[in-house]
C-alpha atoms as a PDB file:
ATOM      1  CA  PHE A   1     -11.845  -0.213  21.613  1.00  0.00           C
ATOM      2  CA  VAL A   2      -8.710  -2.350  21.349  1.00  0.00           C
ATOM      3  CA  LYS A   3      -5.525  -2.621  23.428  1.00  0.00           C
ATOM      4  CA  ALA A   4      -2.085  -2.411  21.821  1.00  0.00           C
ATOM      5  CA  THR A   5      -0.088  -5.639  22.125  1.00  0.00           C
ATOM      6  CA  TYR A   6       2.975  -4.228  20.299  1.00  0.00           C
ATOM      7  CA  ASN A   7       4.549  -0.797  19.919  1.00  0.00           C
ATOM      8  CA  TYR A   8       3.965   0.956  16.599  1.00  0.00           C
ATOM      9  CA  GLN A   9       5.778   4.036  15.291  1.00  0.00           C
ATOM     10  CA  LYS A  10       3.855   5.945  12.637  1.00  0.00           C
ATOM     11  CA  LEU A  11       5.307   6.011   9.145  1.00  0.00           C
ATOM     12  CA  ASP A  12       3.749   9.309   8.058  1.00  0.00           C
ATOM     13  CA  SER A  13       1.246  11.938   9.162  1.00  0.00           C
ATOM     14  CA  SER A  14      -1.735   9.676   8.366  1.00  0.00           C
ATOM     15  CA  SER A  15      -0.578   6.931  10.766  1.00  0.00           C
ATOM     16  CA  LEU A  16      -1.050   6.524  14.520  1.00  0.00           C
ATOM     17  CA  SER A  17       1.806   5.806  16.965  1.00  0.00           C
ATOM     18  CA  PHE A  18       1.213   3.862  20.185  1.00  0.00           C
ATOM     19  CA  VAL A  19       2.903   1.693  22.800  1.00  0.00           C
ATOM     20  CA  VAL A  20       1.955  -1.621  24.411  1.00  0.00           C
ATOM     21  CA  GLY A  21      -1.069  -1.182  26.670  1.00  0.00           C
ATOM     22  CA  ASP A  22      -2.524   1.888  24.951  1.00  0.00           C
ATOM     23  CA  VAL A  23      -6.289   1.670  24.408  1.00  0.00           C
ATOM     24  CA  ILE A  24      -7.328   2.817  20.935  1.00  0.00           C
ATOM     25  CA  GLU A  25     -10.844   3.663  19.796  1.00  0.00           C
ATOM     26  CA  VAL A  26     -11.373   1.990  16.402  1.00  0.00           C
ATOM     27  CA  LEU A  27     -13.255   4.171  13.909  1.00  0.00           C
ATOM     28  CA  THR A  28     -12.799   2.273  10.618  1.00  0.00           C
ATOM     29  CA  THR A  29     -11.588  -1.218   9.687  1.00  0.00           C
ATOM     30  CA  LEU A  30     -10.363  -2.292   6.259  1.00  0.00           C
ATOM     31  CA  GLU A  31      -9.993  -5.849   4.957  1.00  0.00           C
ATOM     32  CA  SER A  32      -6.356  -5.008   4.191  1.00  0.00           C
ATOM     33  CA  GLY A  33      -5.709  -5.066   7.951  1.00  0.00           C
ATOM     34  CA  TRP A  34      -5.277  -1.321   8.395  1.00  0.00           C
ATOM     35  CA  TRP A  35      -7.577   0.301  10.939  1.00  0.00           C
ATOM     36  CA  ASP A  36      -8.312   3.969  11.579  1.00  0.00           C
ATOM     37  CA  GLY A  37      -8.204   4.842  15.262  1.00  0.00           C
ATOM     38  CA  LEU A  38      -8.234   7.537  17.884  1.00  0.00           C
ATOM     39  CA  LEU A  39      -5.792   7.722  20.806  1.00  0.00           C
ATOM     40  CA  GLY A  40      -6.284  10.822  22.898  1.00  0.00           C
ATOM     41  CA  ASN A  41      -6.285  13.707  20.420  1.00  0.00           C
ATOM     42  CA  ASP A  42      -4.345  11.743  17.782  1.00  0.00           C
ATOM     43  CA  ARG A  43      -6.061   9.973  14.899  1.00  0.00           C
ATOM     44  CA  GLY A  44      -4.518   7.767  12.232  1.00  0.00           C
ATOM     45  CA  TRP A  45      -4.152   4.406  10.515  1.00  0.00           C
ATOM     46  CA  PHE A  46      -2.413   1.468  12.191  1.00  0.00           C
ATOM     47  CA  PRO A  47      -1.889  -2.263  11.500  1.00  0.00           C
ATOM     48  CA  SER A  48      -4.571  -4.369  13.186  1.00  0.00           C
ATOM     49  CA  ASN A  49      -2.055  -7.139  13.955  1.00  0.00           C
ATOM     50  CA  HIS A  50      -0.499  -4.818  16.579  1.00  0.00           C
ATOM     51  CA  VAL A  51      -3.625  -4.844  18.785  1.00  0.00           C
END
């Protein structure tokens, strides 16, 4: 699990939106810096430099 340090608005249906303080369960990490995560019932990719 990681905590959001910045807000992030998803760019498309495969991304995950969140706000500062949200706790995201990380499911997959890529060397590119994009991580796949779960927040409530929402799942999607997000930039790891925002957590």
